Amino acid sequence: MKKRKNRGGLVYSTDNSFEWEEDQEAPELLPPNKQNLRIRLDRLKGNKRATVVYQFEGPDEALKDLGKSLKSKCGCGGSTKNGEIILQGDFREKVGTELERLGYRYKFVGG
């Protein structure tokens, strides 16, 4: 699969000395005991509930792996995007125990 570069909409330049600036590197993965994750309950359109885990520090691949693990443990659907793991339903307690088992530090946020 070809990896596309984010060039901010710029397609062509007539400047002979122009060089593309490389994107910044992906953030490095902190060990689980150094992560401070937050868990909150959101209400989405149609009054549906979603459990959101955020403030993950690391590359997108590690976030997707953690999201897949949590979705499997809770037996629900969800997605990982913009540095957040969104699970369909109220699974705050299950997510908390699973994160604790994996060695992550976390806090419940909100009412």
PDB file of N, CA and C in Angstrom:
ATOM      1  N   MET A   1       0.841  -1.168   0.000  1.00  0.00           N
ATOM      2  CA  MET A   1       0.000   0.000   0.000  1.00  0.00           C
ATOM      3  C   MET A   1       0.890   1.236   0.000  1.00  0.00           C
ATOM      4  N   LYS A   2       0.557   2.189  -0.844  1.00  0.00           N
ATOM      5  CA  LYS A   2       1.329   3.418  -0.938  1.00  0.00           C
ATOM      6  C   LYS A   2       0.998   4.334   0.216  1.00  0.00           C
ATOM      7  N   LYS A   3       2.006   4.884   0.821  1.00  0.00           N
ATOM      8  CA  LYS A   3       1.791   5.825   1.917  1.00  0.00           C
ATOM      9  C   LYS A   3       1.760   7.231   1.347  1.00  0.00           C
ATOM     10  N   ARG A   4       0.666   7.929   1.539  1.00  0.00           N
ATOM     11  CA  ARG A   4       0.539   9.293   1.035  1.00  0.00           C
ATOM     12  C   ARG A   4       1.047  10.275   2.069  1.00  0.00           C
ATOM     13  N   LYS A   5       1.706  11.291   1.586  1.00  0.00           N
ATOM     14  CA  LYS A   5       2.217  12.323   2.473  1.00  0.00           C
ATOM     15  C   LYS A   5       1.207  13.439   2.586  1.00  0.00           C
ATOM     16  N   ASN A   6       1.094  13.998   3.755  1.00  0.00           N
ATOM     17  CA  ASN A   6       0.204  15.130   3.966  1.00  0.00           C
ATOM     18  C   ASN A   6       0.961  16.391   3.576  1.00  0.00           C
ATOM     19  N   ARG A   7       0.563  16.963   2.469  1.00  0.00           N
ATOM     20  CA  ARG A   7       1.267  18.134   1.969  1.00  0.00           C
ATOM     21  C   ARG A   7       0.422  19.387   2.082  1.00  0.00           C
ATOM     22  N   GLY A   8      -0.645  19.346   2.838  1.00  0.00           N
ATOM     23  CA  GLY A   8      -1.444  20.534   3.096  1.00  0.00           C
ATOM     24  C   GLY A   8      -2.127  21.101   1.867  1.00  0.00           C
ATOM     25  N   GLY A   9      -2.470  20.271   0.902  1.00  0.00           N
ATOM     26  CA  GLY A   9      -3.158  20.735  -0.278  1.00  0.00           C
ATOM     27  C   GLY A   9      -2.241  21.210  -1.391  1.00  0.00           C
ATOM     28  N   LEU A  10      -0.934  21.289  -1.151  1.00  0.00           N
ATOM     29  CA  LEU A  10       0.006  21.745  -2.156  1.00  0.00           C
ATOM     30  C   LEU A  10       0.301  20.599  -3.121  1.00  0.00           C
ATOM     31  N   VAL A  11       0.099  20.852  -4.420  1.00  0.00           N
ATOM     32  CA  VAL A  11       0.285  19.818  -5.418  1.00  0.00           C
ATOM     33  C   VAL A  11       1.567  20.035  -6.210  1.00  0.00           C
ATOM     34  N   TYR A  12       1.842  21.286  -6.581  1.00  0.00           N
ATOM     35  CA  TYR A  12       2.957  21.568  -7.463  1.00  0.00           C
ATOM     36  C   TYR A  12       3.565  22.918  -7.095  1.00  0.00           C
ATOM     37  N   SER A  13       4.877  23.039  -7.214  1.00  0.00           N
ATOM     38  CA  SER A  13       5.553  24.298  -6.956  1.00  0.00           C
ATOM     39  C   SER A  13       6.474  24.630  -8.116  1.00  0.00           C
ATOM     40  N   THR A  14       6.482  25.898  -8.546  1.00  0.00           N
ATOM     41  CA  THR A  14       7.361  26.333  -9.633  1.00  0.00           C
ATOM     42  C   THR A  14       8.724  26.774  -9.130  1.00  0.00           C
ATOM     43  N   ASP A  15       8.900  26.836  -7.826  1.00  0.00           N
ATOM     44  CA  ASP A  15      10.172  27.232  -7.234  1.00  0.00           C
ATOM     45  C   ASP A  15      11.162  26.070  -7.350  1.00  0.00           C
ATOM     46  N   ASN A  16      12.292  26.293  -8.026  1.00  0.00           N
ATOM     47  CA  ASN A  16      13.273  25.224  -8.237  1.00  0.00           C
ATOM     48  C   ASN A  16      13.967  24.800  -6.948  1.00  0.00           C
ATOM     49  N   SER A  17      14.051  25.685  -5.970  1.00  0.00           N
ATOM     50  CA  SER A  17      14.745  25.353  -4.729  1.00  0.00           C
ATOM     51  C   SER A  17      13.780  24.853  -3.648  1.00  0.00           C
ATOM     52  N   PHE A  18      12.530  24.611  -4.007  1.00  0.00           N
ATOM     53  CA  PHE A  18      11.535  24.176  -3.018  1.00  0.00           C
ATOM     54  C   PHE A  18      11.760  22.720  -2.636  1.00  0.00           C
ATOM     55  N   GLU A  19      11.699  22.428  -1.346  1.00  0.00           N
ATOM     56  CA  GLU A  19      11.783  21.053  -0.855  1.00  0.00           C
ATOM     57  C   GLU A  19      10.656  20.812   0.127  1.00  0.00           C
ATOM     58  N   TRP A  20      10.075  19.643   0.078  1.00  0.00           N
ATOM     59  CA  TRP A  20       8.990  19.293   0.985  1.00  0.00           C
ATOM     60  C   TRP A  20       9.535  19.170   2.399  1.00  0.00           C
ATOM     61  N   GLU A  21       8.799  19.707   3.350  1.00  0.00           N
ATOM     62  CA  GLU A  21       9.158  19.528   4.757  1.00  0.00           C
ATOM     63  C   GLU A  21       8.546  18.225   5.229  1.00  0.00           C
ATOM     64  N   GLU A  22       9.358  17.429   5.846  1.00  0.00           N
ATOM     65  CA  GLU A  22       8.863  16.145   6.336  1.00  0.00           C
ATOM     66  C   GLU A  22       7.976  16.359   7.551  1.00  0.00           C
ATOM     67  N   ASP A  23       6.952  15.510   7.661  1.00  0.00           N
ATOM     68  CA  ASP A  23       6.067  15.582   8.820  1.00  0.00           C
ATOM     69  C   ASP A  23       6.833  15.185  10.068  1.00  0.00           C
ATOM     70  N   GLN A  24       6.333  15.656  11.190  1.00  0.00           N
ATOM     71  CA  GLN A  24       6.984  15.302  12.439  1.00  0.00           C
ATOM     72  C   GLN A  24       6.773  13.822  12.730  1.00  0.00           C
ATOM     73  N   GLU A  25       7.678  13.252  13.475  1.00  0.00           N
ATOM     74  CA  GLU A  25       7.630  11.827  13.779  1.00  0.00           C
ATOM     75  C   GLU A  25       6.457  11.524  14.690  1.00  0.00           C
ATOM     76  N   ALA A  26       6.022  10.273  14.662  1.00  0.00           N
ATOM     77  CA  ALA A  26       4.942   9.836  15.539  1.00  0.00           C
ATOM     78  C   ALA A  26       5.429   9.912  16.986  1.00  0.00           C
ATOM     79  N   PRO A  27       4.538  10.248  17.906  1.00  0.00           N
ATOM     80  CA  PRO A  27       4.968  10.312  19.312  1.00  0.00           C
ATOM     81  C   PRO A  27       5.422   8.940  19.792  1.00  0.00           C
ATOM     82  N   GLU A  28       6.439   8.946  20.632  1.00  0.00           N
ATOM     83  CA  GLU A  28       6.939   7.667  21.110  1.00  0.00           C
ATOM     84  C   GLU A  28       6.003   7.104  22.173  1.00  0.00           C
ATOM     85  N   LEU A  29       5.971   5.796  22.239  1.00  0.00           N
ATOM     86  CA  LEU A  29       5.074   5.085  23.131  1.00  0.00           C
ATOM     87  C   LEU A  29       5.618   5.114  24.553  1.00  0.00           C
ATOM     88  N   LEU A  30       4.814   5.647  25.459  1.00  0.00           N
ATOM     89  CA  LEU A  30       5.176   5.608  26.873  1.00  0.00           C
ATOM     90  C   LEU A  30       4.798   4.246  27.435  1.00  0.00           C
ATOM     91  N   PRO A  31       5.546   3.733  28.402  1.00  0.00           N
ATOM     92  CA  PRO A  31       5.154   2.470  29.019  1.00  0.00           C
ATOM     93  C   PRO A  31       3.814   2.628  29.738  1.00  0.00           C
ATOM     94  N   PRO A  32       3.055   1.546  29.879  1.00  0.00           N
ATOM     95  CA  PRO A  32       1.723   1.639  30.486  1.00  0.00           C
ATOM     96  C   PRO A  32       1.699   2.296  31.863  1.00  0.00           C
ATOM     97  N   ASN A  33       2.706   2.069  32.694  1.00  0.00           N
ATOM     98  CA  ASN A  33       2.676   2.652  34.041  1.00  0.00           C
ATOM     99  C   ASN A  33       2.946   4.151  34.034  1.00  0.00           C
ATOM    100  N   LYS A  34       3.379   4.721  32.899  1.00  0.00           N
ATOM    101  CA  LYS A  34       3.605   6.167  32.782  1.00  0.00           C
ATOM    102  C   LYS A  34       2.421   6.883  32.122  1.00  0.00           C
ATOM    103  N   GLN A  35       1.484   6.130  31.562  1.00  0.00           N
ATOM    104  CA  GLN A  35       0.308   6.713  30.898  1.00  0.00           C
ATOM    105  C   GLN A  35      -0.704   7.152  31.951  1.00  0.00           C
ATOM    106  N   ASN A  36      -1.376   8.269  31.702  1.00  0.00           N
ATOM    107  CA  ASN A  36      -2.459   8.748  32.559  1.00  0.00           C
ATOM    108  C   ASN A  36      -3.722   8.853  31.717  1.00  0.00           C
ATOM    109  N   LEU A  37      -4.419   7.744  31.574  1.00  0.00           N
ATOM    110  CA  LEU A  37      -5.608   7.700  30.731  1.00  0.00           C
ATOM    111  C   LEU A  37      -6.823   8.217  31.490  1.00  0.00           C
ATOM    112  N   ARG A  38      -7.777   8.750  30.758  1.00  0.00           N
ATOM    113  CA  ARG A  38      -9.036   9.241  31.313  1.00  0.00           C
ATOM    114  C   ARG A  38     -10.172   8.462  30.680  1.00  0.00           C
ATOM    115  N   ILE A  39     -11.174   8.119  31.483  1.00  0.00           N
ATOM    116  CA  ILE A  39     -12.352   7.387  31.012  1.00  0.00           C
ATOM    117  C   ILE A  39     -13.576   8.229  31.319  1.00  0.00           C
ATOM    118  N   ARG A  40     -14.399   8.484  30.301  1.00  0.00           N
ATOM    119  CA  ARG A  40     -15.617   9.251  30.514  1.00  0.00           C
ATOM    120  C   ARG A  40     -16.770   8.602  29.755  1.00  0.00           C
ATOM    121  N   LEU A  41     -17.977   8.947  30.153  1.00  0.00           N
ATOM    122  CA  LEU A  41     -19.182   8.471  29.488  1.00  0.00           C
ATOM    123  C   LEU A  41     -19.772   9.625  28.703  1.00  0.00           C
ATOM    124  N   ASP A  42     -19.988   9.412  27.412  1.00  0.00           N
ATOM    125  CA  ASP A  42     -20.592  10.433  26.554  1.00  0.00           C
ATOM    126  C   ASP A  42     -21.965   9.963  26.113  1.00  0.00           C
ATOM    127  N   ARG A  43     -22.822  10.930  25.852  1.00  0.00           N
ATOM    128  CA  ARG A  43     -24.118  10.632  25.241  1.00  0.00           C
ATOM    129  C   ARG A  43     -24.071  11.138  23.821  1.00  0.00           C
ATOM    130  N   LEU A  44     -24.365  10.257  22.898  1.00  0.00           N
ATOM    131  CA  LEU A  44     -24.314  10.588  21.490  1.00  0.00           C
ATOM    132  C   LEU A  44     -25.713  10.864  20.956  1.00  0.00           C
ATOM    133  N   LYS A  45     -25.792  11.120  19.678  1.00  0.00           N
ATOM    134  CA  LYS A  45     -27.070  11.376  19.028  1.00  0.00           C
ATOM    135  C   LYS A  45     -28.018  10.196  19.267  1.00  0.00           C
ATOM    136  N   GLY A  46     -29.256  10.504  19.571  1.00  0.00           N
ATOM    137  CA  GLY A  46     -30.221   9.452  19.856  1.00  0.00           C
ATOM    138  C   GLY A  46     -30.150   8.961  21.282  1.00  0.00           C
ATOM    139  N   ASN A  47     -29.491   9.728  22.152  1.00  0.00           N
ATOM    140  CA  ASN A  47     -29.360   9.402  23.575  1.00  0.00           C
ATOM    141  C   ASN A  47     -28.641   8.079  23.809  1.00  0.00           C
ATOM    142  N   LYS A  48     -27.727   7.708  22.907  1.00  0.00           N
ATOM    143  CA  LYS A  48     -26.940   6.483  23.079  1.00  0.00           C
ATOM    144  C   LYS A  48     -25.694   6.801  23.880  1.00  0.00           C
ATOM    145  N   ARG A  49     -25.239   5.828  24.628  1.00  0.00           N
ATOM    146  CA  ARG A  49     -24.063   6.017  25.481  1.00  0.00           C
ATOM    147  C   ARG A  49     -22.816   5.472  24.804  1.00  0.00           C
ATOM    148  N   ALA A  50     -21.707   6.117  25.093  1.00  0.00           N
ATOM    149  CA  ALA A  50     -20.412   5.671  24.575  1.00  0.00           C
ATOM    150  C   ALA A  50     -19.361   5.914  25.646  1.00  0.00           C
ATOM    151  N   THR A  51     -18.520   4.928  25.864  1.00  0.00           N
ATOM    152  CA  THR A  51     -17.401   5.056  26.786  1.00  0.00           C
ATOM    153  C   THR A  51     -16.194   5.538  25.988  1.00  0.00           C
ATOM    154  N   VAL A  52     -15.557   6.608  26.456  1.00  0.00           N
ATOM    155  CA  VAL A  52     -14.431   7.200  25.741  1.00  0.00           C
ATOM    156  C   VAL A  52     -13.188   7.133  26.622  1.00  0.00           C
ATOM    157  N   VAL A  53     -12.105   6.594  26.068  1.00  0.00           N
ATOM    158  CA  VAL A  53     -10.802   6.556  26.734  1.00  0.00           C
ATOM    159  C   VAL A  53      -9.899   7.519  25.959  1.00  0.00           C
ATOM    160  N   TYR A  54      -9.313   8.486  26.654  1.00  0.00           N
ATOM    161  CA  TYR A  54      -8.490   9.479  25.962  1.00  0.00           C
ATOM    162  C   TYR A  54      -7.246   9.814  26.759  1.00  0.00           C
ATOM    163  N   GLN A  55      -6.419  10.690  26.222  1.00  0.00           N
ATOM    164  CA  GLN A  55      -5.097  11.090  26.702  1.00  0.00           C
ATOM    165  C   GLN A  55      -4.082   9.961  26.593  1.00  0.00           C
ATOM    166  N   PHE A  56      -4.208   9.153  25.541  1.00  0.00           N
ATOM    167  CA  PHE A  56      -3.222   8.115  25.247  1.00  0.00           C
ATOM    168  C   PHE A  56      -2.052   8.765  24.538  1.00  0.00           C
ATOM    169  N   GLU A  57      -0.846   8.468  24.971  1.00  0.00           N
ATOM    170  CA  GLU A  57       0.354   9.032  24.367  1.00  0.00           C
ATOM    171  C   GLU A  57       1.133   7.918  23.693  1.00  0.00           C
ATOM    172  N   GLY A  58       1.140   7.969  22.364  1.00  0.00           N
ATOM    173  CA  GLY A  58       1.856   6.964  21.594  1.00  0.00           C
ATOM    174  C   GLY A  58       1.389   6.962  20.156  1.00  0.00           C
ATOM    175  N   PRO A  59       1.983   6.085  19.339  1.00  0.00           N
ATOM    176  CA  PRO A  59       1.611   6.031  17.921  1.00  0.00           C
ATOM    177  C   PRO A  59       0.202   5.463  17.724  1.00  0.00           C
ATOM    178  N   ASP A  60      -0.362   5.725  16.557  1.00  0.00           N
ATOM    179  CA  ASP A  60      -1.717   5.279  16.255  1.00  0.00           C
ATOM    180  C   ASP A  60      -1.843   3.762  16.274  1.00  0.00           C
ATOM    181  N   GLU A  61      -0.801   3.057  15.882  1.00  0.00           N
ATOM    182  CA  GLU A  61      -0.858   1.586  15.862  1.00  0.00           C
ATOM    183  C   GLU A  61      -1.055   1.032  17.268  1.00  0.00           C
ATOM    184  N   ALA A  62      -0.355   1.597  18.253  1.00  0.00           N
ATOM    185  CA  ALA A  62      -0.505   1.141  19.635  1.00  0.00           C
ATOM    186  C   ALA A  62      -1.896   1.468  20.159  1.00  0.00           C
ATOM    187  N   LEU A  63      -2.440   2.629  19.753  1.00  0.00           N
ATOM    188  CA  LEU A  63      -3.794   3.008  20.153  1.00  0.00           C
ATOM    189  C   LEU A  63      -4.807   2.030  19.564  1.00  0.00           C
ATOM    190  N   LYS A  64      -4.636   1.656  18.303  1.00  0.00           N
ATOM    191  CA  LYS A  64      -5.550   0.708  17.668  1.00  0.00           C
ATOM    192  C   LYS A  64      -5.490  -0.654  18.343  1.00  0.00           C
ATOM    193  N   ASP A  65      -4.269  -1.092  18.723  1.00  0.00           N
ATOM    194  CA  ASP A  65      -4.126  -2.371  19.416  1.00  0.00           C
ATOM    195  C   ASP A  65      -4.836  -2.359  20.762  1.00  0.00           C
ATOM    196  N   LEU A  66      -4.683  -1.266  21.515  1.00  0.00           N
ATOM    197  CA  LEU A  66      -5.357  -1.155  22.806  1.00  0.00           C
ATOM    198  C   LEU A  66      -6.865  -1.102  22.605  1.00  0.00           C
ATOM    199  N   GLY A  67      -7.328  -0.361  21.602  1.00  0.00           N
ATOM    200  CA  GLY A  67      -8.757  -0.287  21.312  1.00  0.00           C
ATOM    201  C   GLY A  67      -9.333  -1.638  20.946  1.00  0.00           C
ATOM    202  N   LYS A  68      -8.599  -2.402  20.156  1.00  0.00           N
ATOM    203  CA  LYS A  68      -9.050  -3.741  19.770  1.00  0.00           C
ATOM    204  C   LYS A  68      -9.155  -4.646  20.987  1.00  0.00           C
ATOM    205  N   SER A  69      -8.184  -4.549  21.874  1.00  0.00           N
ATOM    206  CA  SER A  69      -8.195  -5.348  23.098  1.00  0.00           C
ATOM    207  C   SER A  69      -9.403  -4.994  23.979  1.00  0.00           C
ATOM    208  N   LEU A  70      -9.670  -3.690  24.140  1.00  0.00           N
ATOM    209  CA  LEU A  70     -10.801  -3.262  24.971  1.00  0.00           C
ATOM    210  C   LEU A  70     -12.138  -3.654  24.351  1.00  0.00           C
ATOM    211  N   LYS A  71     -12.267  -3.520  23.040  1.00  0.00           N
ATOM    212  CA  LYS A  71     -13.511  -3.907  22.369  1.00  0.00           C
ATOM    213  C   LYS A  71     -13.757  -5.404  22.515  1.00  0.00           C
ATOM    214  N   SER A  72     -12.700  -6.182  22.415  1.00  0.00           N
ATOM    215  CA  SER A  72     -12.815  -7.631  22.568  1.00  0.00           C
ATOM    216  C   SER A  72     -13.229  -8.005  23.990  1.00  0.00           C
ATOM    217  N   LYS A  73     -12.622  -7.365  24.971  1.00  0.00           N
ATOM    218  CA  LYS A  73     -12.917  -7.664  26.376  1.00  0.00           C
ATOM    219  C   LYS A  73     -14.345  -7.282  26.738  1.00  0.00           C
ATOM    220  N   CYS A  74     -14.832  -6.142  26.194  1.00  0.00           N
ATOM    221  CA  CYS A  74     -16.181  -5.672  26.519  1.00  0.00           C
ATOM    222  C   CYS A  74     -17.245  -6.297  25.621  1.00  0.00           C
ATOM    223  N   GLY A  75     -16.841  -6.898  24.522  1.00  0.00           N
ATOM    224  CA  GLY A  75     -17.800  -7.502  23.612  1.00  0.00           C
ATOM    225  C   GLY A  75     -18.687  -6.467  22.945  1.00  0.00           C
ATOM    226  N   CYS A  76     -18.083  -5.394  22.474  1.00  0.00           N
ATOM    227  CA  CYS A  76     -18.861  -4.320  21.863  1.00  0.00           C
ATOM    228  C   CYS A  76     -18.127  -3.777  20.654  1.00  0.00           C
ATOM    229  N   GLY A  77     -18.778  -2.892  19.925  1.00  0.00           N
ATOM    230  CA  GLY A  77     -18.163  -2.223  18.797  1.00  0.00           C
ATOM    231  C   GLY A  77     -17.563  -0.911  19.233  1.00  0.00           C
ATOM    232  N   GLY A  78     -16.872  -0.279  18.338  1.00  0.00           N
ATOM    233  CA  GLY A  78     -16.288   1.009  18.650  1.00  0.00           C
ATOM    234  C   GLY A  78     -15.288   1.412  17.602  1.00  0.00           C
ATOM    235  N   SER A  79     -14.557   2.479  17.894  1.00  0.00           N
ATOM    236  CA  SER A  79     -13.559   2.970  16.942  1.00  0.00           C
ATOM    237  C   SER A  79     -12.418   3.636  17.695  1.00  0.00           C
ATOM    238  N   THR A  80     -11.317   3.830  16.977  1.00  0.00           N
ATOM    239  CA  THR A  80     -10.174   4.574  17.513  1.00  0.00           C
ATOM    240  C   THR A  80      -9.846   5.662  16.516  1.00  0.00           C
ATOM    241  N   LYS A  81      -9.925   6.913  16.954  1.00  0.00           N
ATOM    242  CA  LYS A  81      -9.575   8.028  16.087  1.00  0.00           C
ATOM    243  C   LYS A  81      -9.272   9.247  16.931  1.00  0.00           C
ATOM    244  N   ASN A  82      -8.445  10.124  16.389  1.00  0.00           N
ATOM    245  CA  ASN A  82      -8.065  11.372  17.052  1.00  0.00           C
ATOM    246  C   ASN A  82      -7.537  11.155  18.466  1.00  0.00           C
ATOM    247  N   GLY A  83      -6.809  10.075  18.684  1.00  0.00           N
ATOM    248  CA  GLY A  83      -6.220   9.816  19.996  1.00  0.00           C
ATOM    249  C   GLY A  83      -7.213   9.338  21.042  1.00  0.00           C
ATOM    250  N   GLU A  84      -8.405   8.904  20.619  1.00  0.00           N
ATOM    251  CA  GLU A  84      -9.434   8.433  21.544  1.00  0.00           C
ATOM    252  C   GLU A  84      -9.891   7.039  21.142  1.00  0.00           C
ATOM    253  N   ILE A  85     -10.297   6.278  22.151  1.00  0.00           N
ATOM    254  CA  ILE A  85     -10.931   4.986  21.925  1.00  0.00           C
ATOM    255  C   ILE A  85     -12.393   5.162  22.325  1.00  0.00           C
ATOM    256  N   ILE A  86     -13.306   4.911  21.399  1.00  0.00           N
ATOM    257  CA  ILE A  86     -14.730   5.082  21.648  1.00  0.00           C
ATOM    258  C   ILE A  86     -15.380   3.709  21.614  1.00  0.00           C
ATOM    259  N   LEU A  87     -16.017   3.326  22.711  1.00  0.00           N
ATOM    260  CA  LEU A  87     -16.696   2.035  22.813  1.00  0.00           C
ATOM    261  C   LEU A  87     -18.199   2.274  22.892  1.00  0.00           C
ATOM    262  N   GLN A  88     -18.974   1.485  22.173  1.00  0.00           N
ATOM    263  CA  GLN A  88     -20.422   1.643  22.153  1.00  0.00           C
ATOM    264  C   GLN A  88     -21.018   1.026  23.407  1.00  0.00           C
ATOM    265  N   GLY A  89     -21.534   1.865  24.300  1.00  0.00           N
ATOM    266  CA  GLY A  89     -22.158   1.390  25.533  1.00  0.00           C
ATOM    267  C   GLY A  89     -21.425   1.903  26.765  1.00  0.00           C
ATOM    268  N   ASP A  90     -22.010   1.621  27.918  1.00  0.00           N
ATOM    269  CA  ASP A  90     -21.426   2.042  29.198  1.00  0.00           C
ATOM    270  C   ASP A  90     -20.598   0.894  29.764  1.00  0.00           C
ATOM    271  N   PHE A  91     -19.286   0.940  29.520  1.00  0.00           N
ATOM    272  CA  PHE A  91     -18.370  -0.108  29.973  1.00  0.00           C
ATOM    273  C   PHE A  91     -17.244   0.472  30.810  1.00  0.00           C
ATOM    274  N   ARG A  92     -17.536   1.516  31.576  1.00  0.00           N
ATOM    275  CA  ARG A  92     -16.477   2.185  32.335  1.00  0.00           C
ATOM    276  C   ARG A  92     -15.786   1.242  33.312  1.00  0.00           C
ATOM    277  N   GLU A  93     -16.539   0.452  34.049  1.00  0.00           N
ATOM    278  CA  GLU A  93     -15.939  -0.442  35.045  1.00  0.00           C
ATOM    279  C   GLU A  93     -15.106  -1.545  34.387  1.00  0.00           C
ATOM    280  N   LYS A  94     -15.624  -2.147  33.313  1.00  0.00           N
ATOM    281  CA  LYS A  94     -14.865  -3.194  32.612  1.00  0.00           C
ATOM    282  C   LYS A  94     -13.586  -2.633  32.009  1.00  0.00           C
ATOM    283  N   VAL A  95     -13.686  -1.447  31.422  1.00  0.00           N
ATOM    284  CA  VAL A  95     -12.513  -0.814  30.820  1.00  0.00           C
ATOM    285  C   VAL A  95     -11.485  -0.511  31.907  1.00  0.00           C
ATOM    286  N   GLY A  96     -11.940  -0.019  33.052  1.00  0.00           N
ATOM    287  CA  GLY A  96     -11.035   0.284  34.159  1.00  0.00           C
ATOM    288  C   GLY A  96     -10.293  -0.946  34.648  1.00  0.00           C
ATOM    289  N   THR A  97     -11.007  -2.049  34.824  1.00  0.00           N
ATOM    290  CA  THR A  97     -10.344  -3.268  35.302  1.00  0.00           C
ATOM    291  C   THR A  97      -9.385  -3.824  34.250  1.00  0.00           C
ATOM    292  N   GLU A  98      -9.757  -3.725  32.973  1.00  0.00           N
ATOM    293  CA  GLU A  98      -8.866  -4.216  31.920  1.00  0.00           C
ATOM    294  C   GLU A  98      -7.614  -3.351  31.810  1.00  0.00           C
ATOM    295  N   LEU A  99      -7.766  -2.031  31.909  1.00  0.00           N
ATOM    296  CA  LEU A  99      -6.598  -1.150  31.866  1.00  0.00           C
ATOM    297  C   LEU A  99      -5.684  -1.411  33.059  1.00  0.00           C
ATOM    298  N   GLU A 100      -6.281  -1.643  34.212  1.00  0.00           N
ATOM    299  CA  GLU A 100      -5.485  -1.947  35.406  1.00  0.00           C
ATOM    300  C   GLU A 100      -4.720  -3.259  35.224  1.00  0.00           C
ATOM    301  N   ARG A 101      -5.372  -4.248  34.629  1.00  0.00           N
ATOM    302  CA  ARG A 101      -4.733  -5.535  34.380  1.00  0.00           C
ATOM    303  C   ARG A 101      -3.556  -5.391  33.410  1.00  0.00           C
ATOM    304  N   LEU A 102      -3.696  -4.475  32.435  1.00  0.00           N
ATOM    305  CA  LEU A 102      -2.626  -4.248  31.468  1.00  0.00           C
ATOM    306  C   LEU A 102      -1.525  -3.334  32.001  1.00  0.00           C
ATOM    307  N   GLY A 103      -1.727  -2.746  33.179  1.00  0.00           N
ATOM    308  CA  GLY A 103      -0.697  -1.929  33.811  1.00  0.00           C
ATOM    309  C   GLY A 103      -0.840  -0.439  33.594  1.00  0.00           C
ATOM    310  N   TYR A 104      -1.962   0.018  33.019  1.00  0.00           N
ATOM    311  CA  TYR A 104      -2.182   1.444  32.778  1.00  0.00           C
ATOM    312  C   TYR A 104      -2.740   2.118  34.019  1.00  0.00           C
ATOM    313  N   ARG A 105      -2.419   3.397  34.162  1.00  0.00           N
ATOM    314  CA  ARG A 105      -3.030   4.224  35.202  1.00  0.00           C
ATOM    315  C   ARG A 105      -4.185   4.965  34.555  1.00  0.00           C
ATOM    316  N   TYR A 106      -5.292   5.118  35.278  1.00  0.00           N
ATOM    317  CA  TYR A 106      -6.460   5.761  34.702  1.00  0.00           C
ATOM    318  C   TYR A 106      -7.262   6.458  35.782  1.00  0.00           C
ATOM    319  N   LYS A 107      -8.144   7.339  35.335  1.00  0.00           N
ATOM    320  CA  LYS A 107      -9.088   8.023  36.222  1.00  0.00           C
ATOM    321  C   LYS A 107     -10.419   8.126  35.514  1.00  0.00           C
ATOM    322  N   PHE A 108     -11.505   8.039  36.304  1.00  0.00           N
ATOM    323  CA  PHE A 108     -12.834   8.285  35.769  1.00  0.00           C
ATOM    324  C   PHE A 108     -13.100   9.770  35.808  1.00  0.00           C
ATOM    325  N   VAL A 109     -13.638  10.302  34.714  1.00  0.00           N
ATOM    326  CA  VAL A 109     -13.876  11.727  34.595  1.00  0.00           C
ATOM    327  C   VAL A 109     -15.369  11.938  34.366  1.00  0.00           C
ATOM    328  N   GLY A 110     -15.927  12.982  34.957  1.00  0.00           N
ATOM    329  CA  GLY A 110     -17.341  13.290  34.761  1.00  0.00           C
ATOM    330  C   GLY A 110     -18.185  12.693  35.866  1.00  0.00           C
ATOM    331  N   GLY A 111     -19.476  12.890  35.757  1.00  0.00           N
ATOM    332  CA  GLY A 111     -20.414  12.465  36.807  1.00  0.00           C
ATOM    333  C   GLY A 111     -20.844  11.122  36.647  1.00  0.00           C
TER     334      GLY A 111
END
